[in-house]
N, C-alpha and C. Protein backbone atom coordinates (compact mmCIF):
# COMPACT_ATOMS: atom_id res chain seq x y z
N MET A 1 7.93 34.80 -11.70
CA MET A 1 7.61 33.91 -10.61
C MET A 1 6.57 32.96 -10.98
N ASN A 2 6.60 31.73 -10.79
CA ASN A 2 5.52 30.76 -11.21
C ASN A 2 4.77 30.48 -9.89
N VAL A 3 3.39 30.75 -9.92
CA VAL A 3 2.61 30.62 -8.66
C VAL A 3 2.08 29.16 -8.60
N PHE A 4 2.37 28.38 -9.65
CA PHE A 4 1.69 26.91 -9.57
C PHE A 4 2.86 25.95 -8.90
N ASP A 5 2.39 25.02 -8.05
CA ASP A 5 3.17 24.17 -7.40
C ASP A 5 3.18 22.80 -8.33
N HIS A 6 4.23 22.77 -9.13
CA HIS A 6 4.30 21.70 -10.05
C HIS A 6 4.31 20.13 -9.42
N GLU A 7 4.84 20.08 -8.24
CA GLU A 7 4.87 18.80 -7.56
C GLU A 7 3.40 18.41 -7.17
N ALA A 8 2.63 19.41 -6.65
CA ALA A 8 1.32 19.30 -6.41
C ALA A 8 0.50 18.94 -7.56
N ASP A 9 0.75 19.57 -8.66
CA ASP A 9 0.03 19.28 -9.98
C ASP A 9 0.43 18.05 -10.49
N ALA A 10 1.50 17.49 -10.36
CA ALA A 10 1.86 16.13 -10.69
C ALA A 10 1.20 15.19 -9.92
N ALA A 11 1.07 15.43 -8.62
CA ALA A 11 0.43 14.33 -7.73
C ALA A 11 -1.00 14.36 -8.09
N LEU A 12 -1.64 15.53 -8.31
CA LEU A 12 -3.10 15.60 -8.61
C LEU A 12 -3.30 14.81 -10.00
N ALA A 13 -2.51 14.99 -10.89
CA ALA A 13 -2.54 14.41 -12.27
C ALA A 13 -2.48 12.93 -12.11
N ALA A 14 -1.52 12.34 -11.21
CA ALA A 14 -1.49 10.92 -10.91
C ALA A 14 -2.69 10.51 -10.40
N ARG A 15 -3.35 11.18 -9.39
CA ARG A 15 -4.50 10.77 -8.80
C ARG A 15 -5.63 10.79 -9.80
N VAL A 16 -5.79 11.78 -10.59
CA VAL A 16 -6.88 11.79 -11.63
C VAL A 16 -6.72 10.62 -12.58
N ALA A 17 -5.52 10.28 -13.01
CA ALA A 17 -5.17 9.09 -13.91
C ALA A 17 -5.65 7.73 -13.14
N ALA A 18 -5.42 7.73 -11.80
CA ALA A 18 -5.82 6.47 -11.21
C ALA A 18 -7.45 6.43 -10.92
N MET A 19 -8.09 7.54 -11.10
CA MET A 19 -9.71 7.62 -10.76
C MET A 19 -10.42 6.45 -11.71
N ASP A 20 -11.19 5.86 -11.02
CA ASP A 20 -11.99 4.61 -11.71
C ASP A 20 -13.45 5.19 -11.92
N TRP A 21 -13.53 5.97 -13.09
CA TRP A 21 -14.84 6.60 -13.34
C TRP A 21 -16.05 5.70 -13.61
N ASN A 22 -15.80 4.34 -13.96
CA ASN A 22 -16.68 3.44 -14.41
C ASN A 22 -17.02 2.35 -13.43
N HIS A 23 -16.48 2.51 -12.15
CA HIS A 23 -16.74 1.60 -11.15
C HIS A 23 -18.24 1.61 -10.85
N ALA A 24 -18.96 0.47 -10.86
CA ALA A 24 -20.31 0.44 -10.61
C ALA A 24 -20.44 0.19 -9.10
N PHE A 25 -21.26 1.06 -8.48
CA PHE A 25 -21.38 1.13 -7.06
C PHE A 25 -22.23 0.00 -6.55
N GLY A 26 -21.82 -0.58 -5.43
CA GLY A 26 -22.66 -1.51 -4.71
C GLY A 26 -23.70 -0.79 -4.11
N SER A 27 -24.97 -1.34 -3.71
CA SER A 27 -26.08 -0.61 -3.23
C SER A 27 -25.71 0.02 -1.77
N LEU A 28 -25.03 -0.81 -0.81
CA LEU A 28 -24.73 -0.38 0.38
C LEU A 28 -23.52 0.72 0.25
N GLN A 29 -22.64 0.49 -0.67
CA GLN A 29 -21.66 1.56 -0.80
C GLN A 29 -22.19 2.83 -1.25
N LEU A 30 -23.15 2.69 -2.34
CA LEU A 30 -23.76 3.90 -2.65
C LEU A 30 -24.72 4.59 -1.57
N GLU A 31 -25.34 3.96 -0.77
CA GLU A 31 -26.30 4.39 0.31
C GLU A 31 -25.30 5.22 1.27
N ARG A 32 -24.30 4.48 1.81
CA ARG A 32 -23.51 5.17 2.84
C ARG A 32 -22.78 6.40 2.12
N ALA A 33 -22.23 6.32 0.99
CA ALA A 33 -21.61 7.45 0.30
C ALA A 33 -22.41 8.59 0.19
N LEU A 34 -23.73 8.41 -0.30
CA LEU A 34 -24.65 9.46 -0.39
C LEU A 34 -25.06 10.21 0.96
N ARG A 35 -25.08 9.41 1.95
CA ARG A 35 -25.38 9.97 3.36
C ARG A 35 -24.22 10.88 3.77
N LEU A 36 -22.97 10.37 3.56
CA LEU A 36 -21.73 11.17 4.03
C LEU A 36 -21.71 12.27 3.12
N ALA A 37 -21.85 12.16 1.73
CA ALA A 37 -21.67 13.32 0.84
C ALA A 37 -22.82 14.40 1.29
N ARG A 38 -23.92 14.04 1.50
CA ARG A 38 -25.04 15.10 1.97
C ARG A 38 -24.63 15.67 3.27
N ALA A 39 -24.06 14.97 4.17
CA ALA A 39 -23.53 15.55 5.45
C ALA A 39 -22.44 16.57 5.43
N PHE A 40 -21.65 16.27 4.36
CA PHE A 40 -20.41 17.04 4.16
C PHE A 40 -20.70 18.36 3.19
N GLY A 41 -21.97 18.37 2.69
CA GLY A 41 -22.27 19.46 1.84
C GLY A 41 -21.92 19.22 0.32
N HIS A 42 -21.68 18.03 -0.04
CA HIS A 42 -21.27 17.78 -1.47
C HIS A 42 -22.38 17.92 -2.35
N THR A 43 -22.35 18.57 -3.32
CA THR A 43 -23.39 18.77 -4.32
C THR A 43 -23.86 17.22 -4.82
N TRP A 44 -22.75 16.37 -5.23
CA TRP A 44 -23.26 15.04 -5.74
C TRP A 44 -24.07 14.20 -4.72
N GLY A 45 -24.11 14.57 -3.40
CA GLY A 45 -24.93 13.83 -2.57
C GLY A 45 -26.41 13.96 -2.77
N HIS A 46 -26.84 14.87 -3.70
CA HIS A 46 -28.17 15.10 -4.07
C HIS A 46 -28.48 14.67 -5.46
N THR A 47 -27.60 13.73 -6.00
CA THR A 47 -27.89 13.31 -7.29
C THR A 47 -29.13 12.27 -7.20
N PRO A 48 -30.12 12.41 -8.28
CA PRO A 48 -31.19 11.36 -8.27
C PRO A 48 -30.64 10.01 -8.55
N LEU A 49 -31.28 8.93 -7.78
CA LEU A 49 -30.57 7.66 -7.89
C LEU A 49 -30.43 7.15 -9.30
N GLU A 50 -31.30 7.56 -10.29
CA GLU A 50 -31.20 7.01 -11.60
C GLU A 50 -29.91 7.33 -12.26
N HIS A 51 -29.26 8.47 -11.68
CA HIS A 51 -27.92 8.91 -12.23
C HIS A 51 -26.66 8.43 -11.44
N CYS A 52 -26.99 7.41 -10.43
CA CYS A 52 -25.92 7.10 -9.53
C CYS A 52 -25.36 5.76 -9.86
N ARG A 53 -25.11 5.39 -11.15
CA ARG A 53 -24.58 4.14 -11.43
C ARG A 53 -23.04 4.22 -11.22
N THR A 54 -22.36 5.25 -11.76
CA THR A 54 -20.92 5.25 -11.59
C THR A 54 -20.58 6.80 -11.34
N ALA A 55 -19.26 6.97 -10.94
CA ALA A 55 -18.81 8.33 -10.82
C ALA A 55 -18.95 9.21 -12.10
N ALA A 56 -18.79 8.53 -13.20
CA ALA A 56 -18.92 9.12 -14.59
C ALA A 56 -20.41 9.63 -14.75
N SER A 57 -21.34 8.74 -14.40
CA SER A 57 -22.69 9.14 -14.55
C SER A 57 -23.24 10.22 -13.64
N ILE A 58 -22.68 10.27 -12.36
CA ILE A 58 -22.96 11.28 -11.48
C ILE A 58 -22.34 12.59 -12.00
N SER A 59 -21.06 12.57 -12.41
CA SER A 59 -20.44 13.83 -13.00
C SER A 59 -21.24 14.35 -14.22
N ALA A 60 -21.53 13.40 -15.07
CA ALA A 60 -22.27 13.94 -16.39
C ALA A 60 -23.67 14.61 -15.99
N TYR A 61 -24.28 13.99 -14.97
CA TYR A 61 -25.53 14.68 -14.52
C TYR A 61 -25.43 16.12 -14.08
N TRP A 62 -24.43 16.29 -13.17
CA TRP A 62 -24.10 17.59 -12.60
C TRP A 62 -23.59 18.61 -13.75
N ASP A 63 -22.84 18.06 -14.77
CA ASP A 63 -22.46 18.88 -15.70
C ASP A 63 -23.47 19.43 -16.57
N SER A 64 -24.47 18.62 -16.76
CA SER A 64 -25.66 19.13 -17.59
C SER A 64 -26.53 20.01 -16.71
N GLU A 65 -26.67 19.76 -15.38
CA GLU A 65 -27.45 20.65 -14.49
C GLU A 65 -26.90 21.96 -14.13
N MET A 66 -25.57 22.05 -14.31
CA MET A 66 -24.81 23.27 -13.77
C MET A 66 -24.07 23.90 -14.95
N GLU A 67 -24.40 23.53 -16.14
CA GLU A 67 -23.76 24.14 -17.46
C GLU A 67 -23.66 25.70 -17.25
N GLY A 68 -22.55 26.13 -17.47
CA GLY A 68 -22.28 27.68 -17.49
C GLY A 68 -21.74 28.14 -16.11
N LEU A 69 -21.92 27.33 -15.06
CA LEU A 69 -21.32 27.79 -13.68
C LEU A 69 -19.82 27.53 -13.62
N ASP A 70 -19.04 28.35 -12.88
CA ASP A 70 -17.71 28.02 -12.63
C ASP A 70 -17.53 26.93 -11.56
N SER A 71 -16.51 26.36 -11.64
CA SER A 71 -16.26 25.15 -10.77
C SER A 71 -16.48 25.38 -9.24
N TRP A 72 -16.04 26.67 -8.91
CA TRP A 72 -16.22 26.99 -7.46
C TRP A 72 -17.78 26.94 -6.98
N GLN A 73 -18.59 27.26 -8.12
CA GLN A 73 -19.94 27.43 -7.80
C GLN A 73 -20.59 26.10 -7.66
N ARG A 74 -20.08 25.10 -8.31
CA ARG A 74 -20.62 23.74 -8.57
C ARG A 74 -20.42 23.03 -7.30
N GLY A 75 -19.33 23.27 -6.60
CA GLY A 75 -19.05 22.22 -5.29
C GLY A 75 -18.45 21.00 -5.82
N ILE A 76 -18.60 19.93 -5.07
CA ILE A 76 -18.01 18.75 -5.42
C ILE A 76 -19.06 17.93 -6.11
N THR A 77 -18.96 17.60 -7.38
CA THR A 77 -19.88 17.06 -8.20
C THR A 77 -19.79 15.71 -8.58
N ALA A 78 -18.79 14.93 -8.03
CA ALA A 78 -18.52 13.56 -8.29
C ALA A 78 -17.85 12.97 -7.10
N PRO A 79 -18.03 11.74 -6.73
CA PRO A 79 -17.26 11.04 -5.82
C PRO A 79 -15.86 10.66 -6.36
N TRP A 80 -14.89 10.38 -5.42
CA TRP A 80 -13.57 10.04 -5.75
C TRP A 80 -13.57 8.45 -5.62
N VAL A 81 -13.26 7.78 -6.69
CA VAL A 81 -13.06 6.27 -6.67
C VAL A 81 -11.84 5.81 -7.18
N VAL A 82 -11.10 5.04 -6.35
CA VAL A 82 -9.89 4.30 -6.81
C VAL A 82 -9.96 2.91 -6.38
N ASP A 83 -9.70 2.02 -7.36
CA ASP A 83 -9.67 0.54 -7.00
C ASP A 83 -11.00 0.16 -6.30
N GLY A 84 -12.20 0.90 -6.64
CA GLY A 84 -13.48 0.43 -6.25
C GLY A 84 -13.76 1.01 -4.88
N VAL A 85 -12.88 1.60 -4.31
CA VAL A 85 -13.02 2.42 -2.98
C VAL A 85 -13.39 3.80 -3.17
N LEU A 86 -14.60 4.29 -2.61
CA LEU A 86 -15.03 5.58 -2.71
C LEU A 86 -14.51 6.36 -1.52
N SER A 87 -13.85 7.51 -1.76
CA SER A 87 -13.23 8.18 -0.51
C SER A 87 -13.20 9.69 -0.62
N HIS A 88 -13.06 10.22 0.58
CA HIS A 88 -12.99 11.62 0.74
C HIS A 88 -12.16 12.25 1.91
N VAL A 89 -11.35 13.17 1.63
CA VAL A 89 -10.55 13.81 2.65
C VAL A 89 -11.07 15.29 2.68
N THR A 90 -11.47 15.85 3.74
CA THR A 90 -11.87 17.19 3.88
C THR A 90 -10.64 18.18 3.41
N GLY A 91 -11.06 19.36 3.03
CA GLY A 91 -9.96 20.47 2.73
C GLY A 91 -9.05 20.64 3.82
N THR A 92 -9.41 20.58 5.01
CA THR A 92 -8.50 20.78 6.11
C THR A 92 -7.88 19.59 6.55
N GLY A 93 -8.20 18.45 5.94
CA GLY A 93 -7.40 16.99 6.23
C GLY A 93 -7.90 16.56 7.61
N ARG A 94 -8.77 17.15 8.25
CA ARG A 94 -9.11 16.76 9.66
C ARG A 94 -10.12 15.49 9.63
N SER A 95 -10.92 15.31 8.55
CA SER A 95 -11.83 14.26 8.54
C SER A 95 -11.65 13.46 7.23
N ALA A 96 -11.78 12.29 7.19
CA ALA A 96 -11.63 11.41 5.95
C ALA A 96 -12.62 10.13 6.22
N TRP A 97 -13.10 9.64 4.94
CA TRP A 97 -13.96 8.54 4.98
C TRP A 97 -13.59 7.69 3.68
N ALA A 98 -13.76 6.31 3.79
CA ALA A 98 -13.54 5.57 2.69
C ALA A 98 -14.58 4.41 2.72
N ILE A 99 -15.23 4.00 1.68
CA ILE A 99 -16.18 3.00 1.66
C ILE A 99 -15.79 2.02 0.47
N GLY A 100 -15.72 0.75 0.83
CA GLY A 100 -15.36 -0.35 -0.01
C GLY A 100 -16.58 -0.83 -0.93
N PRO A 101 -16.33 -1.53 -1.91
CA PRO A 101 -17.46 -2.12 -2.75
C PRO A 101 -18.57 -2.79 -2.06
N ASP A 102 -18.12 -3.37 -0.84
CA ASP A 102 -19.13 -4.02 -0.17
C ASP A 102 -19.88 -3.27 0.86
N GLY A 103 -19.55 -1.97 0.94
CA GLY A 103 -20.16 -1.09 1.84
C GLY A 103 -19.39 -0.90 3.23
N GLY A 104 -18.28 -1.73 3.48
CA GLY A 104 -17.51 -1.52 4.65
C GLY A 104 -16.94 -0.18 4.67
N THR A 105 -16.93 0.54 5.75
CA THR A 105 -16.66 2.03 5.80
C THR A 105 -15.74 2.23 6.99
N SER A 106 -14.80 3.19 6.52
CA SER A 106 -13.69 3.58 7.57
C SER A 106 -13.90 5.00 7.66
N LEU A 107 -14.00 5.61 8.93
CA LEU A 107 -13.95 7.04 9.21
C LEU A 107 -12.78 7.32 10.00
N GLU A 108 -12.19 8.58 9.70
CA GLU A 108 -11.08 8.87 10.48
C GLU A 108 -11.00 10.44 10.86
N ILE A 109 -10.47 10.72 12.06
CA ILE A 109 -10.42 12.09 12.67
C ILE A 109 -8.84 12.17 12.89
N HIS A 110 -8.37 13.31 12.19
CA HIS A 110 -6.97 13.76 12.26
C HIS A 110 -6.68 14.99 12.93
N ARG A 111 -5.57 15.20 13.58
CA ARG A 111 -5.03 16.56 14.09
C ARG A 111 -4.54 17.15 12.82
N PRO A 112 -4.41 18.56 12.88
CA PRO A 112 -3.91 19.34 11.82
C PRO A 112 -2.31 18.80 11.62
N GLY A 113 -2.04 18.67 10.29
CA GLY A 113 -0.77 18.21 9.89
C GLY A 113 -0.40 16.74 10.46
N GLY A 114 -1.33 16.21 11.09
CA GLY A 114 -1.00 14.72 11.50
C GLY A 114 -1.21 13.69 10.44
N ASP A 115 -0.27 12.78 10.24
CA ASP A 115 -0.32 11.69 9.23
C ASP A 115 -1.23 10.69 9.53
N ALA A 116 -1.23 10.14 10.78
CA ALA A 116 -1.99 9.05 11.33
C ALA A 116 -3.32 9.71 11.91
N PRO A 117 -4.47 9.07 11.76
CA PRO A 117 -5.54 9.54 12.56
C PRO A 117 -5.42 9.35 13.99
N ILE A 118 -6.21 10.18 14.75
CA ILE A 118 -6.22 9.86 16.28
C ILE A 118 -7.30 9.10 16.71
N LEU A 119 -8.54 9.24 15.84
CA LEU A 119 -9.65 8.33 16.07
C LEU A 119 -10.05 7.77 14.76
N LEU A 120 -10.44 6.40 14.85
CA LEU A 120 -10.94 5.73 13.86
C LEU A 120 -12.24 4.99 14.14
N ALA A 121 -13.06 4.86 13.07
CA ALA A 121 -14.30 3.99 13.18
C ALA A 121 -14.38 3.14 11.97
N GLN A 122 -14.71 1.93 12.31
CA GLN A 122 -14.95 0.97 11.13
C GLN A 122 -16.43 0.35 11.24
N LEU A 123 -17.08 0.58 10.26
CA LEU A 123 -18.50 0.18 10.19
C LEU A 123 -18.53 -1.07 9.14
N ALA A 124 -18.81 -2.13 9.62
CA ALA A 124 -18.74 -3.35 8.68
C ALA A 124 -20.18 -3.26 7.88
N PRO A 125 -20.08 -4.11 6.68
CA PRO A 125 -21.43 -4.13 5.93
C PRO A 125 -22.48 -4.61 6.85
N SER A 126 -22.21 -5.46 7.86
CA SER A 126 -23.25 -5.98 8.71
C SER A 126 -23.88 -4.98 9.66
N GLY A 127 -23.10 -3.91 9.88
CA GLY A 127 -23.53 -2.86 10.70
C GLY A 127 -22.85 -2.85 12.02
N ALA A 128 -21.93 -3.97 12.20
CA ALA A 128 -21.03 -3.92 13.32
C ALA A 128 -20.09 -2.77 13.43
N LEU A 129 -19.94 -2.08 14.62
CA LEU A 129 -19.14 -0.78 14.56
C LEU A 129 -17.97 -1.06 15.62
N THR A 130 -16.73 -0.68 15.12
CA THR A 130 -15.53 -0.66 16.03
C THR A 130 -15.03 0.76 16.11
N ILE A 131 -14.79 1.28 17.13
CA ILE A 131 -14.13 2.55 17.32
C ILE A 131 -12.80 2.45 17.99
N LEU A 132 -11.81 3.04 17.53
CA LEU A 132 -10.44 2.98 17.92
C LEU A 132 -9.93 4.33 18.24
N VAL A 133 -9.14 4.37 19.32
CA VAL A 133 -8.18 5.43 19.64
C VAL A 133 -6.89 5.03 19.15
N ASN A 134 -6.31 5.83 18.27
CA ASN A 134 -4.92 5.49 17.56
C ASN A 134 -3.77 6.09 18.36
N ARG A 135 -2.96 5.24 18.94
CA ARG A 135 -1.73 5.57 19.61
C ARG A 135 -0.47 5.15 18.91
N ASP A 136 0.74 5.51 19.27
CA ASP A 136 1.86 5.04 18.64
C ASP A 136 2.16 3.65 18.72
N THR A 137 1.64 3.04 19.81
CA THR A 137 1.72 1.54 20.09
C THR A 137 0.64 0.75 19.21
N GLY A 138 -0.19 1.41 18.61
CA GLY A 138 -1.15 0.78 17.85
C GLY A 138 -2.63 1.30 18.19
N PRO A 139 -3.62 0.81 17.53
CA PRO A 139 -5.02 1.42 17.71
C PRO A 139 -5.53 0.51 18.90
N ILE A 140 -6.43 1.23 19.77
CA ILE A 140 -6.97 0.64 20.95
C ILE A 140 -8.42 0.62 20.92
N ASP A 141 -9.14 -0.53 20.96
CA ASP A 141 -10.56 -0.63 20.74
C ASP A 141 -11.22 -0.07 22.04
N VAL A 142 -12.05 0.88 21.89
CA VAL A 142 -12.73 1.71 22.91
C VAL A 142 -13.55 0.75 23.79
N THR A 143 -14.08 -0.30 23.18
CA THR A 143 -15.04 -1.03 23.91
C THR A 143 -14.34 -2.22 24.82
N LYS A 144 -12.99 -2.40 24.55
CA LYS A 144 -12.44 -3.43 25.19
C LYS A 144 -11.34 -2.95 26.26
N ILE A 145 -11.53 -1.83 26.74
CA ILE A 145 -10.65 -1.35 27.91
C ILE A 145 -11.48 -0.57 28.92
N SER A 146 -10.95 -0.56 30.08
CA SER A 146 -11.74 0.15 31.35
C SER A 146 -11.58 1.59 30.96
N ASP A 147 -12.57 2.27 31.72
CA ASP A 147 -12.68 3.74 31.59
C ASP A 147 -11.38 4.44 31.96
N TYR A 148 -10.81 3.93 33.09
CA TYR A 148 -9.46 4.39 33.41
C TYR A 148 -8.54 4.45 32.23
N ARG A 149 -8.27 3.23 31.54
CA ARG A 149 -7.32 3.07 30.55
C ARG A 149 -7.74 3.88 29.30
N LEU A 150 -9.10 4.03 29.13
CA LEU A 150 -9.41 4.82 28.06
C LEU A 150 -9.20 6.30 28.15
N ARG A 151 -9.28 6.84 29.51
CA ARG A 151 -9.03 8.18 29.66
C ARG A 151 -7.41 8.35 29.40
N HIS A 152 -6.67 7.36 29.97
CA HIS A 152 -5.16 7.45 29.64
C HIS A 152 -4.83 7.38 28.17
N ALA A 153 -5.63 6.57 27.49
CA ALA A 153 -5.38 6.46 25.92
C ALA A 153 -5.71 7.93 25.21
N CYS A 154 -6.72 8.57 25.84
CA CYS A 154 -7.08 9.79 25.21
C CYS A 154 -6.05 10.98 25.41
N VAL A 155 -5.30 10.92 26.50
CA VAL A 155 -4.17 11.81 26.77
C VAL A 155 -2.87 11.37 26.78
N ALA A 156 -2.74 10.02 26.30
CA ALA A 156 -1.44 9.32 26.07
C ALA A 156 -0.51 10.21 25.34
N GLY A 157 0.82 10.17 25.80
CA GLY A 157 1.78 10.96 25.14
C GLY A 157 1.67 12.41 25.58
N ALA A 158 2.59 13.05 26.07
CA ALA A 158 2.42 14.37 26.46
C ALA A 158 2.20 15.38 25.48
N SER A 159 2.35 14.97 24.23
CA SER A 159 2.25 15.89 23.06
C SER A 159 0.64 16.20 22.91
N LYS A 160 0.33 17.56 22.70
CA LYS A 160 -1.03 17.87 22.42
C LYS A 160 -1.45 17.31 21.15
N LYS A 161 -0.49 16.98 20.26
CA LYS A 161 -0.84 16.53 18.89
C LYS A 161 -1.46 15.13 19.01
N GLN A 162 -1.31 14.47 20.11
CA GLN A 162 -1.86 13.13 20.21
C GLN A 162 -3.21 13.11 21.14
N GLU A 163 -3.46 14.14 21.87
CA GLU A 163 -4.68 14.15 22.62
C GLU A 163 -5.97 13.98 21.85
N VAL A 164 -6.92 13.22 22.40
CA VAL A 164 -8.24 13.22 21.86
C VAL A 164 -9.09 14.14 22.55
N CYS A 165 -9.59 15.17 21.84
CA CYS A 165 -10.37 16.18 22.50
C CYS A 165 -11.95 15.93 22.16
N ARG A 166 -12.73 16.52 22.98
CA ARG A 166 -14.22 16.26 22.80
C ARG A 166 -14.62 16.71 21.34
N ARG A 167 -14.09 17.76 20.79
CA ARG A 167 -14.48 18.11 19.44
C ARG A 167 -14.00 17.14 18.38
N HIS A 168 -13.08 16.34 18.67
CA HIS A 168 -12.84 15.17 17.79
C HIS A 168 -13.87 14.09 17.86
N VAL A 169 -14.22 13.83 19.14
CA VAL A 169 -15.36 12.76 19.23
C VAL A 169 -16.59 13.44 18.64
N GLU A 170 -16.96 14.60 18.70
CA GLU A 170 -18.15 15.09 18.04
C GLU A 170 -18.16 15.04 16.49
N ALA A 171 -16.82 15.27 16.06
CA ALA A 171 -16.72 15.14 14.66
C ALA A 171 -16.91 13.77 14.18
N LEU A 172 -16.44 12.70 14.91
CA LEU A 172 -16.68 11.33 14.56
C LEU A 172 -18.08 11.15 14.72
N ASN A 173 -18.67 11.53 15.79
CA ASN A 173 -20.13 11.27 15.97
C ASN A 173 -20.97 11.84 15.04
N ASP A 174 -20.59 13.04 14.48
CA ASP A 174 -21.56 13.68 13.36
C ASP A 174 -21.34 12.57 12.05
N MET A 175 -20.21 12.09 11.80
CA MET A 175 -20.29 11.11 10.70
C MET A 175 -21.03 9.91 10.91
N LEU A 176 -20.97 9.39 12.19
CA LEU A 176 -21.82 8.19 12.49
C LEU A 176 -23.41 8.55 12.34
N TRP A 177 -23.68 9.72 12.88
CA TRP A 177 -25.17 10.21 12.75
C TRP A 177 -25.43 10.17 11.17
N ALA A 178 -24.66 10.65 10.32
CA ALA A 178 -24.90 10.74 8.89
C ALA A 178 -25.16 9.36 8.36
N LEU A 179 -24.52 8.35 8.97
CA LEU A 179 -24.66 6.85 8.53
C LEU A 179 -25.91 6.35 9.23
N GLY A 180 -26.64 6.96 10.09
CA GLY A 180 -27.74 6.47 10.76
C GLY A 180 -27.58 5.81 12.18
N ILE A 181 -26.33 6.02 12.67
CA ILE A 181 -25.99 5.45 13.91
C ILE A 181 -26.28 6.58 14.98
N ASN A 182 -27.40 6.54 15.66
CA ASN A 182 -27.86 7.70 16.42
C ASN A 182 -27.50 7.69 17.82
N SER A 183 -27.12 6.48 18.24
CA SER A 183 -26.82 6.14 19.73
C SER A 183 -25.60 5.19 19.86
N CYS A 184 -24.62 5.57 20.50
CA CYS A 184 -23.47 4.55 20.55
C CYS A 184 -22.78 4.76 21.90
N ALA A 185 -22.71 3.61 22.76
CA ALA A 185 -22.16 3.57 24.00
C ALA A 185 -20.60 3.98 23.81
N ALA A 186 -20.02 3.55 22.94
CA ALA A 186 -18.60 3.77 22.69
C ALA A 186 -18.28 5.36 22.64
N ILE A 187 -19.16 6.04 21.86
CA ILE A 187 -19.04 7.48 21.72
C ILE A 187 -19.24 8.17 23.06
N GLU A 188 -20.23 7.71 23.96
CA GLU A 188 -20.45 8.16 25.28
C GLU A 188 -19.36 7.99 26.11
N ARG A 189 -18.60 6.94 25.99
CA ARG A 189 -17.34 6.61 26.84
C ARG A 189 -16.25 7.47 26.28
N LEU A 190 -16.18 7.74 25.13
CA LEU A 190 -15.13 8.62 24.49
C LEU A 190 -15.30 10.16 25.05
N ARG A 191 -16.53 10.61 24.94
CA ARG A 191 -16.83 11.99 25.37
C ARG A 191 -16.39 12.07 26.80
N ALA A 192 -16.74 11.10 27.68
CA ALA A 192 -16.34 11.25 29.02
C ALA A 192 -14.79 11.25 29.26
N ALA A 193 -14.06 10.56 28.49
CA ALA A 193 -12.62 10.24 28.65
C ALA A 193 -11.89 11.41 27.76
N ALA A 194 -12.43 11.95 26.89
CA ALA A 194 -11.74 13.04 26.04
C ALA A 194 -11.30 14.28 26.86
N VAL A 195 -10.28 15.01 26.37
CA VAL A 195 -9.78 16.27 26.89
C VAL A 195 -10.77 17.46 26.51
N GLU A 196 -11.07 18.23 27.49
CA GLU A 196 -11.82 19.46 27.08
C GLU A 196 -10.80 20.55 26.75
N GLU A 197 -10.84 20.84 25.46
CA GLU A 197 -9.75 21.84 25.07
C GLU A 197 -10.31 23.08 24.94
N GLN A 198 -9.59 24.04 25.61
CA GLN A 198 -9.96 25.42 25.74
C GLN A 198 -9.78 26.27 24.47
N VAL A 199 -8.64 26.03 23.79
CA VAL A 199 -8.24 26.78 22.56
C VAL A 199 -7.97 25.62 21.53
N PRO A 200 -8.84 25.73 20.40
CA PRO A 200 -8.55 24.65 19.34
C PRO A 200 -7.10 24.66 18.89
N VAL A 201 -6.57 23.44 18.62
CA VAL A 201 -5.25 23.30 18.08
C VAL A 201 -5.38 22.32 16.92
């Protein structure tokens, strides 16, 4: 019996082939990426700035610093970059982020097994922030609807898979804090509208 998943191996090989090891990071892109990497506990988030020119230079730094250690001891030692976009999806698939060359940042919160995010935040290079609740009918801007409609958007669709719970709001808030956004009226409105879930799903 073969214990390897050849389809997954092929998908990973394709992703590795698409990796842009020599993309030169923009300053805002690198700043935001390092903040999120540190918040997520990635080893590469602690790379000295003089080694942060490209994913290749970050990887080379940690290869020399951690020589002799197994990969599980090293942690994540380089960012993932494809087409100039630096991105990460957590092992559980519940949180994801992507940062473009100009520093524009997208944050996503997913339900387990859900393809589409239930919460999104978009942080422009200028610092302008948009937070969206994602519904089947499309994303809804939290700042542009009434409290009543926001509450309805958080519990829209009878399926538990679509409910926005307080823990989802807190997960998004943690990413915003990592990016230096310490107070946000949209998050406060979401906290008030979100479902208080008794048993995590």
